[in-house]
Amino acid sequence: MARSPDDFLDANPFTTEADRPAPDAPRRRLPVPHRQVWAALQDGLRTMPRIRETIVWSPEGWKWTWFYSCGDVGVAYLIPSEKGVLGTLVVREGLVEALLAHKDVSKDMAALVEGAGADGDARKCFVPVLDVDTAREFLFCVRAMTEVLRAAGKACPEGQ
């Protein structure tokens, strides 16, 4: 199966800016094998404390994407694709080492974070999510990122 982020982006079924998808549209529109993965990711992110879901149009070729933030800080994107789901972890440059040291970050996820290039003050780590095991690893990493942000005083303070 395709592993390049561009392969996933090119297969995003939500391509028309004027036709904003409903929050649960990928659960109906993605091919059957990818619906379960999408649902696991979306439900996992929606149930994390202080995480907000926003559907955004990304003119840089991502098309319609699901953006997840903790306070005012972005932590992840989900990009629907007919080839799977492309998860994108957002890691602030000054917090990379703390994230990599977190006990819930798998070796595979750590390698993706280390290999991602900086884009301004953050790294965008593309994670092809093709099965529920990878979905679980991605969710653990997002949860770890929110804990690192909270510990650094960057976002997600208790009580918000």
N, C-alpha and C. Protein backbone atom coordinates (compact mmCIF):
# COMPACT_ATOMS: atom_id res chain seq x y z
N MET A 1 0.84 -1.18 0.00
CA MET A 1 0.00 0.00 0.00
C MET A 1 0.89 1.24 0.00
N ALA A 2 0.35 2.35 -0.48
CA ALA A 2 1.10 3.60 -0.60
C ALA A 2 1.59 4.07 0.76
N ARG A 3 2.81 4.59 0.80
CA ARG A 3 3.39 5.09 2.05
C ARG A 3 3.74 6.57 1.96
N SER A 4 3.77 7.14 0.78
CA SER A 4 4.11 8.54 0.61
C SER A 4 2.93 9.42 1.03
N PRO A 5 3.19 10.51 1.78
CA PRO A 5 2.09 11.41 2.12
C PRO A 5 1.34 11.91 0.89
N ASP A 6 2.07 12.16 -0.19
CA ASP A 6 1.41 12.66 -1.41
C ASP A 6 0.40 11.66 -1.96
N ASP A 7 0.70 10.37 -1.86
CA ASP A 7 -0.25 9.35 -2.32
C ASP A 7 -1.56 9.45 -1.55
N PHE A 8 -1.46 9.68 -0.24
CA PHE A 8 -2.65 9.82 0.58
C PHE A 8 -3.38 11.12 0.26
N LEU A 9 -2.63 12.21 0.15
CA LEU A 9 -3.24 13.51 -0.13
C LEU A 9 -3.98 13.51 -1.46
N ASP A 10 -3.39 12.87 -2.46
CA ASP A 10 -4.01 12.80 -3.78
C ASP A 10 -5.31 12.00 -3.78
N ALA A 11 -5.49 11.14 -2.78
CA ALA A 11 -6.68 10.29 -2.72
C ALA A 11 -7.70 10.78 -1.68
N ASN A 12 -7.56 12.03 -1.24
CA ASN A 12 -8.54 12.61 -0.32
C ASN A 12 -9.85 12.78 -1.08
N PRO A 13 -10.95 12.18 -0.60
CA PRO A 13 -12.22 12.29 -1.33
C PRO A 13 -12.93 13.63 -1.17
N PHE A 14 -12.45 14.47 -0.27
CA PHE A 14 -13.10 15.75 0.01
C PHE A 14 -12.28 16.87 -0.63
N THR A 15 -12.55 17.12 -1.91
CA THR A 15 -11.67 17.97 -2.72
C THR A 15 -12.24 19.32 -3.11
N THR A 16 -13.49 19.59 -2.80
CA THR A 16 -14.12 20.82 -3.24
C THR A 16 -14.26 21.78 -2.06
N GLU A 17 -13.59 22.91 -2.15
CA GLU A 17 -13.59 23.87 -1.04
C GLU A 17 -15.01 24.32 -0.69
N ALA A 18 -15.86 24.48 -1.67
CA ALA A 18 -17.23 24.96 -1.43
C ALA A 18 -18.13 23.89 -0.81
N ASP A 19 -17.67 22.66 -0.76
CA ASP A 19 -18.48 21.55 -0.25
C ASP A 19 -17.87 21.01 1.05
N ARG A 20 -18.09 21.76 2.13
CA ARG A 20 -17.53 21.39 3.44
C ARG A 20 -18.17 20.08 3.93
N PRO A 21 -17.35 19.08 4.27
CA PRO A 21 -17.92 17.81 4.74
C PRO A 21 -18.42 17.91 6.18
N ALA A 22 -19.36 17.06 6.51
CA ALA A 22 -19.84 16.95 7.90
C ALA A 22 -18.76 16.29 8.74
N PRO A 23 -18.76 16.49 10.06
CA PRO A 23 -17.72 15.92 10.91
C PRO A 23 -17.53 14.41 10.76
N ASP A 24 -18.60 13.68 10.55
CA ASP A 24 -18.50 12.22 10.45
C ASP A 24 -18.54 11.70 9.02
N ALA A 25 -18.39 12.57 8.03
CA ALA A 25 -18.46 12.17 6.62
C ALA A 25 -17.48 11.05 6.25
N PRO A 26 -16.22 11.07 6.75
CA PRO A 26 -15.32 9.97 6.37
C PRO A 26 -15.80 8.59 6.83
N ARG A 27 -16.60 8.55 7.86
CA ARG A 27 -17.13 7.25 8.34
C ARG A 27 -18.07 6.62 7.32
N ARG A 28 -18.61 7.45 6.44
CA ARG A 28 -19.51 6.94 5.40
C ARG A 28 -18.84 6.88 4.04
N ARG A 29 -17.89 7.77 3.80
CA ARG A 29 -17.36 7.92 2.44
C ARG A 29 -16.07 7.15 2.17
N LEU A 30 -15.28 6.86 3.20
CA LEU A 30 -14.04 6.13 2.96
C LEU A 30 -14.34 4.68 2.62
N PRO A 31 -13.45 4.02 1.91
CA PRO A 31 -13.63 2.59 1.64
C PRO A 31 -13.73 1.82 2.97
N VAL A 32 -14.48 0.76 2.93
CA VAL A 32 -14.78 -0.02 4.14
C VAL A 32 -13.54 -0.33 4.99
N PRO A 33 -12.43 -0.79 4.44
CA PRO A 33 -11.31 -1.13 5.32
C PRO A 33 -10.77 0.06 6.12
N HIS A 34 -10.97 1.28 5.64
CA HIS A 34 -10.40 2.46 6.30
C HIS A 34 -11.37 3.15 7.25
N ARG A 35 -12.64 2.79 7.18
CA ARG A 35 -13.64 3.40 8.07
C ARG A 35 -13.36 3.08 9.53
N GLN A 36 -13.00 1.84 9.83
CA GLN A 36 -12.73 1.44 11.21
C GLN A 36 -11.53 2.21 11.75
N VAL A 37 -10.50 2.38 10.95
CA VAL A 37 -9.31 3.12 11.37
C VAL A 37 -9.67 4.58 11.62
N TRP A 38 -10.42 5.19 10.68
CA TRP A 38 -10.84 6.58 10.86
C TRP A 38 -11.63 6.73 12.16
N ALA A 39 -12.61 5.84 12.37
CA ALA A 39 -13.45 5.93 13.56
C ALA A 39 -12.61 5.80 14.84
N ALA A 40 -11.65 4.88 14.85
CA ALA A 40 -10.80 4.71 16.03
C ALA A 40 -10.00 5.98 16.31
N LEU A 41 -9.44 6.58 15.27
CA LEU A 41 -8.66 7.80 15.44
C LEU A 41 -9.55 8.96 15.89
N GLN A 42 -10.64 9.17 15.18
CA GLN A 42 -11.51 10.30 15.48
C GLN A 42 -12.11 10.17 16.88
N ASP A 43 -12.59 8.99 17.23
CA ASP A 43 -13.16 8.80 18.56
C ASP A 43 -12.11 8.98 19.64
N GLY A 44 -10.91 8.46 19.39
CA GLY A 44 -9.84 8.60 20.36
C GLY A 44 -9.46 10.05 20.60
N LEU A 45 -9.37 10.83 19.53
CA LEU A 45 -9.03 12.25 19.66
C LEU A 45 -10.17 13.03 20.31
N ARG A 46 -11.39 12.71 19.93
CA ARG A 46 -12.55 13.42 20.49
C ARG A 46 -12.69 13.20 21.99
N THR A 47 -12.24 12.07 22.48
CA THR A 47 -12.40 11.78 23.91
C THR A 47 -11.23 12.24 24.76
N MET A 48 -10.18 12.76 24.15
CA MET A 48 -9.06 13.29 24.93
C MET A 48 -9.48 14.61 25.57
N PRO A 49 -9.14 14.79 26.84
CA PRO A 49 -9.49 16.05 27.52
C PRO A 49 -8.90 17.26 26.83
N ARG A 50 -9.71 18.29 26.69
CA ARG A 50 -9.31 19.59 26.16
C ARG A 50 -8.88 19.58 24.69
N ILE A 51 -9.20 18.53 23.95
CA ILE A 51 -8.90 18.49 22.52
C ILE A 51 -10.13 18.96 21.76
N ARG A 52 -9.91 19.85 20.81
CA ARG A 52 -11.00 20.39 20.00
C ARG A 52 -10.81 19.97 18.55
N GLU A 53 -11.89 19.55 17.90
CA GLU A 53 -11.87 19.14 16.50
C GLU A 53 -12.45 20.26 15.64
N THR A 54 -11.74 20.59 14.56
CA THR A 54 -12.20 21.59 13.60
C THR A 54 -11.91 21.06 12.20
N ILE A 55 -12.88 21.19 11.32
CA ILE A 55 -12.67 20.78 9.93
C ILE A 55 -12.19 22.02 9.18
N VAL A 56 -11.03 21.90 8.55
CA VAL A 56 -10.42 23.07 7.90
C VAL A 56 -10.06 22.76 6.46
N TRP A 57 -10.14 23.78 5.63
CA TRP A 57 -9.68 23.68 4.24
C TRP A 57 -8.20 24.04 4.23
N SER A 58 -7.40 23.18 3.67
CA SER A 58 -5.95 23.42 3.61
C SER A 58 -5.55 23.61 2.15
N PRO A 59 -5.29 24.83 1.76
CA PRO A 59 -4.97 25.11 0.36
C PRO A 59 -3.64 24.54 -0.10
N GLU A 60 -2.77 24.09 0.83
CA GLU A 60 -1.47 23.55 0.40
C GLU A 60 -1.57 22.13 -0.16
N GLY A 61 -2.77 21.71 -0.51
CA GLY A 61 -2.93 20.41 -1.15
C GLY A 61 -3.53 19.34 -0.26
N TRP A 62 -3.75 19.66 1.00
CA TRP A 62 -4.33 18.67 1.91
C TRP A 62 -5.84 18.56 1.70
N LYS A 63 -6.43 19.60 1.12
CA LYS A 63 -7.87 19.68 0.90
C LYS A 63 -8.58 19.76 2.25
N TRP A 64 -9.76 19.12 2.41
CA TRP A 64 -10.44 19.16 3.70
C TRP A 64 -9.74 18.22 4.67
N THR A 65 -9.41 18.75 5.83
CA THR A 65 -8.74 17.96 6.87
C THR A 65 -9.40 18.22 8.21
N TRP A 66 -9.18 17.30 9.12
CA TRP A 66 -9.71 17.41 10.47
C TRP A 66 -8.53 17.80 11.36
N PHE A 67 -8.65 18.96 12.00
CA PHE A 67 -7.58 19.56 12.79
C PHE A 67 -7.92 19.42 14.27
N TYR A 68 -6.93 19.03 15.06
CA TYR A 68 -7.13 18.84 16.50
C TYR A 68 -6.17 19.75 17.25
N SER A 69 -6.72 20.51 18.18
CA SER A 69 -5.90 21.45 18.94
C SER A 69 -6.18 21.29 20.43
N CYS A 70 -5.21 21.73 21.19
CA CYS A 70 -5.29 21.73 22.63
C CYS A 70 -5.09 23.18 23.05
N GLY A 71 -6.16 23.83 23.45
CA GLY A 71 -6.09 25.28 23.63
C GLY A 71 -5.89 25.89 22.26
N ASP A 72 -4.90 26.76 22.14
CA ASP A 72 -4.61 27.40 20.85
C ASP A 72 -3.49 26.71 20.09
N VAL A 73 -3.05 25.57 20.56
CA VAL A 73 -1.90 24.89 19.96
C VAL A 73 -2.36 23.65 19.19
N GLY A 74 -2.01 23.59 17.91
CA GLY A 74 -2.34 22.42 17.11
C GLY A 74 -1.51 21.23 17.52
N VAL A 75 -2.14 20.05 17.60
CA VAL A 75 -1.41 18.84 17.97
C VAL A 75 -1.50 17.76 16.89
N ALA A 76 -2.55 17.78 16.06
CA ALA A 76 -2.68 16.72 15.06
C ALA A 76 -3.66 17.11 13.97
N TYR A 77 -3.50 16.44 12.84
CA TYR A 77 -4.45 16.50 11.74
C TYR A 77 -4.80 15.06 11.38
N LEU A 78 -6.02 14.85 10.92
CA LEU A 78 -6.40 13.60 10.26
C LEU A 78 -6.80 13.98 8.84
N ILE A 79 -6.19 13.29 7.89
CA ILE A 79 -6.48 13.55 6.49
C ILE A 79 -7.09 12.28 5.91
N PRO A 80 -8.38 12.35 5.53
CA PRO A 80 -9.02 11.16 4.97
C PRO A 80 -8.47 10.85 3.59
N SER A 81 -8.38 9.58 3.29
CA SER A 81 -7.87 9.16 1.99
C SER A 81 -8.47 7.82 1.63
N GLU A 82 -8.67 7.62 0.36
CA GLU A 82 -9.15 6.32 -0.10
C GLU A 82 -8.07 5.26 0.01
N LYS A 83 -6.84 5.65 0.37
CA LYS A 83 -5.73 4.70 0.55
C LYS A 83 -5.44 4.43 2.01
N GLY A 84 -6.21 5.03 2.91
CA GLY A 84 -6.00 4.89 4.34
C GLY A 84 -6.27 6.21 5.01
N VAL A 85 -5.69 6.42 6.16
CA VAL A 85 -5.80 7.69 6.86
C VAL A 85 -4.39 8.21 7.06
N LEU A 86 -4.19 9.48 6.77
CA LEU A 86 -2.89 10.09 7.02
C LEU A 86 -3.01 10.92 8.29
N GLY A 87 -2.40 10.42 9.35
CA GLY A 87 -2.33 11.18 10.59
C GLY A 87 -1.12 12.09 10.51
N THR A 88 -1.24 13.27 11.07
CA THR A 88 -0.12 14.20 11.08
C THR A 88 0.02 14.72 12.51
N LEU A 89 1.13 14.41 13.11
CA LEU A 89 1.42 14.87 14.46
C LEU A 89 2.19 16.18 14.36
N VAL A 90 1.80 17.18 15.12
CA VAL A 90 2.47 18.48 15.13
C VAL A 90 3.30 18.56 16.41
N VAL A 91 4.61 18.74 16.25
CA VAL A 91 5.52 18.77 17.40
C VAL A 91 6.30 20.08 17.38
N ARG A 92 6.14 20.88 18.39
CA ARG A 92 6.89 22.14 18.52
C ARG A 92 8.37 21.82 18.67
N GLU A 93 9.21 22.60 17.99
CA GLU A 93 10.65 22.33 17.96
C GLU A 93 11.28 22.21 19.35
N GLY A 94 10.95 23.07 20.27
CA GLY A 94 11.56 23.03 21.59
C GLY A 94 11.09 21.87 22.45
N LEU A 95 10.13 21.10 21.96
CA LEU A 95 9.55 20.02 22.76
C LEU A 95 9.83 18.63 22.20
N VAL A 96 10.63 18.56 21.14
CA VAL A 96 10.90 17.28 20.50
C VAL A 96 11.55 16.29 21.48
N GLU A 97 12.58 16.72 22.17
CA GLU A 97 13.29 15.80 23.09
C GLU A 97 12.37 15.31 24.19
N ALA A 98 11.54 16.19 24.74
CA ALA A 98 10.62 15.78 25.81
C ALA A 98 9.62 14.75 25.28
N LEU A 99 9.14 14.95 24.06
CA LEU A 99 8.20 13.99 23.49
C LEU A 99 8.89 12.64 23.27
N LEU A 100 10.09 12.67 22.71
CA LEU A 100 10.80 11.42 22.43
C LEU A 100 11.12 10.65 23.71
N ALA A 101 11.26 11.35 24.82
CA ALA A 101 11.55 10.70 26.10
C ALA A 101 10.30 10.18 26.80
N HIS A 102 9.13 10.54 26.31
CA HIS A 102 7.87 10.13 26.95
C HIS A 102 7.69 8.62 26.83
N LYS A 103 7.23 8.00 27.88
CA LYS A 103 7.09 6.54 27.94
C LYS A 103 6.06 5.97 26.96
N ASP A 104 5.11 6.79 26.53
CA ASP A 104 4.06 6.30 25.64
C ASP A 104 4.36 6.44 24.15
N VAL A 105 5.54 6.96 23.81
CA VAL A 105 5.90 7.13 22.40
C VAL A 105 6.67 5.89 21.95
N SER A 106 6.09 5.17 21.00
CA SER A 106 6.70 3.95 20.49
C SER A 106 7.97 4.26 19.69
N LYS A 107 8.78 3.25 19.47
CA LYS A 107 10.00 3.42 18.67
C LYS A 107 9.67 3.87 17.25
N ASP A 108 8.61 3.31 16.68
CA ASP A 108 8.22 3.70 15.32
C ASP A 108 7.79 5.16 15.26
N MET A 109 7.00 5.59 16.23
CA MET A 109 6.57 6.98 16.26
C MET A 109 7.75 7.91 16.51
N ALA A 110 8.66 7.51 17.40
CA ALA A 110 9.85 8.32 17.68
C ALA A 110 10.68 8.49 16.41
N ALA A 111 10.82 7.44 15.63
CA ALA A 111 11.59 7.52 14.39
C ALA A 111 10.94 8.49 13.40
N LEU A 112 9.61 8.50 13.33
CA LEU A 112 8.91 9.43 12.44
C LEU A 112 9.11 10.88 12.91
N VAL A 113 9.05 11.10 14.21
CA VAL A 113 9.26 12.44 14.74
C VAL A 113 10.69 12.90 14.46
N GLU A 114 11.66 12.04 14.71
CA GLU A 114 13.06 12.39 14.48
C GLU A 114 13.32 12.68 13.00
N GLY A 115 12.66 11.96 12.12
CA GLY A 115 12.90 12.10 10.69
C GLY A 115 12.15 13.25 10.04
N ALA A 116 11.19 13.85 10.75
CA ALA A 116 10.40 14.94 10.17
C ALA A 116 11.20 16.23 10.20
N GLY A 117 11.16 16.94 9.11
CA GLY A 117 11.85 18.22 9.04
C GLY A 117 11.02 19.32 9.67
N ALA A 118 11.70 20.33 10.17
CA ALA A 118 11.02 21.46 10.78
C ALA A 118 10.39 22.33 9.69
N ASP A 119 9.19 22.80 9.98
CA ASP A 119 8.48 23.73 9.11
C ASP A 119 8.14 24.93 9.98
N GLY A 120 9.04 25.89 10.02
CA GLY A 120 8.87 27.00 10.96
C GLY A 120 9.24 26.55 12.36
N ASP A 121 8.32 26.73 13.31
CA ASP A 121 8.62 26.37 14.69
C ASP A 121 8.10 24.98 15.07
N ALA A 122 7.67 24.21 14.08
CA ALA A 122 7.12 22.88 14.39
C ALA A 122 7.49 21.87 13.31
N ARG A 123 7.45 20.62 13.72
CA ARG A 123 7.61 19.51 12.78
C ARG A 123 6.22 18.92 12.52
N LYS A 124 5.97 18.59 11.28
CA LYS A 124 4.75 17.88 10.93
C LYS A 124 5.17 16.46 10.56
N CYS A 125 4.78 15.53 11.39
CA CYS A 125 5.18 14.13 11.23
C CYS A 125 4.02 13.36 10.59
N PHE A 126 4.21 12.96 9.35
CA PHE A 126 3.17 12.24 8.62
C PHE A 126 3.21 10.76 8.99
N VAL A 127 2.04 10.24 9.38
CA VAL A 127 1.93 8.86 9.82
C VAL A 127 0.83 8.17 9.02
N PRO A 128 1.19 7.31 8.05
CA PRO A 128 0.16 6.54 7.37
C PRO A 128 -0.46 5.55 8.35
N VAL A 129 -1.76 5.70 8.60
CA VAL A 129 -2.45 4.85 9.57
C VAL A 129 -3.34 3.89 8.79
N LEU A 130 -2.90 2.64 8.72
CA LEU A 130 -3.60 1.65 7.91
C LEU A 130 -4.26 0.56 8.74
N ASP A 131 -4.03 0.57 10.05
CA ASP A 131 -4.61 -0.46 10.91
C ASP A 131 -4.83 0.11 12.30
N VAL A 132 -5.61 -0.61 13.12
CA VAL A 132 -5.94 -0.09 14.45
C VAL A 132 -4.73 -0.08 15.39
N ASP A 133 -3.73 -0.93 15.16
CA ASP A 133 -2.53 -0.89 16.00
C ASP A 133 -1.76 0.41 15.79
N THR A 134 -1.61 0.84 14.54
CA THR A 134 -0.95 2.11 14.26
C THR A 134 -1.80 3.27 14.77
N ALA A 135 -3.12 3.14 14.67
CA ALA A 135 -4.02 4.17 15.21
C ALA A 135 -3.78 4.33 16.71
N ARG A 136 -3.64 3.23 17.41
CA ARG A 136 -3.40 3.26 18.86
C ARG A 136 -2.07 3.96 19.16
N GLU A 137 -1.02 3.63 18.41
CA GLU A 137 0.28 4.28 18.61
C GLU A 137 0.20 5.79 18.35
N PHE A 138 -0.52 6.16 17.31
CA PHE A 138 -0.68 7.58 16.99
C PHE A 138 -1.41 8.30 18.13
N LEU A 139 -2.48 7.69 18.63
CA LEU A 139 -3.24 8.30 19.72
C LEU A 139 -2.40 8.42 20.99
N PHE A 140 -1.61 7.40 21.30
CA PHE A 140 -0.71 7.48 22.47
C PHE A 140 0.26 8.64 22.30
N CYS A 141 0.75 8.84 21.09
CA CYS A 141 1.71 9.90 20.83
C CYS A 141 1.05 11.28 20.95
N VAL A 142 -0.18 11.42 20.46
CA VAL A 142 -0.90 12.69 20.61
C VAL A 142 -1.14 12.97 22.09
N ARG A 143 -1.56 11.96 22.83
CA ARG A 143 -1.78 12.14 24.26
C ARG A 143 -0.48 12.56 24.95
N ALA A 144 0.63 11.91 24.58
CA ALA A 144 1.93 12.28 25.13
C ALA A 144 2.27 13.73 24.78
N MET A 145 1.96 14.15 23.55
CA MET A 145 2.24 15.52 23.14
C MET A 145 1.46 16.50 24.00
N THR A 146 0.20 16.21 24.31
CA THR A 146 -0.58 17.11 25.15
C THR A 146 0.00 17.17 26.56
N GLU A 147 0.51 16.05 27.06
CA GLU A 147 1.14 16.05 28.38
C GLU A 147 2.43 16.86 28.38
N VAL A 148 3.20 16.76 27.31
CA VAL A 148 4.44 17.54 27.19
C VAL A 148 4.11 19.03 27.10
N LEU A 149 3.10 19.38 26.32
CA LEU A 149 2.69 20.78 26.21
C LEU A 149 2.25 21.32 27.57
N ARG A 150 1.46 20.54 28.28
CA ARG A 150 0.97 20.96 29.59
C ARG A 150 2.14 21.15 30.56
N ALA A 151 3.07 20.21 30.57
CA ALA A 151 4.23 20.30 31.47
C ALA A 151 5.10 21.51 31.15
N ALA A 152 5.16 21.88 29.87
CA ALA A 152 5.97 23.03 29.46
C ALA A 152 5.21 24.35 29.60
N GLY A 153 3.94 24.26 29.99
CA GLY A 153 3.14 25.47 30.13
C GLY A 153 2.75 26.10 28.81
N LYS A 154 2.75 25.30 27.72
CA LYS A 154 2.47 25.82 26.38
C LYS A 154 0.99 25.77 26.00
N ALA A 155 0.25 24.81 26.55
CA ALA A 155 -1.16 24.66 26.19
C ALA A 155 -1.80 23.64 27.11
N CYS A 156 -3.08 23.50 26.98
CA CYS A 156 -3.83 22.47 27.69
C CYS A 156 -3.72 22.56 29.20
N PRO A 157 -3.75 23.75 29.78
CA PRO A 157 -3.65 23.78 31.25
C PRO A 157 -4.84 23.09 31.88
N GLU A 158 -4.61 22.56 33.05
CA GLU A 158 -5.71 21.91 33.79
C GLU A 158 -6.82 22.94 33.99
N GLY A 159 -8.05 22.46 33.92
CA GLY A 159 -9.19 23.32 34.17
C GLY A 159 -9.72 24.04 32.94
N GLN A 160 -9.06 23.89 31.81
CA GLN A 160 -9.59 24.53 30.59
C GLN A 160 -10.43 23.55 29.83
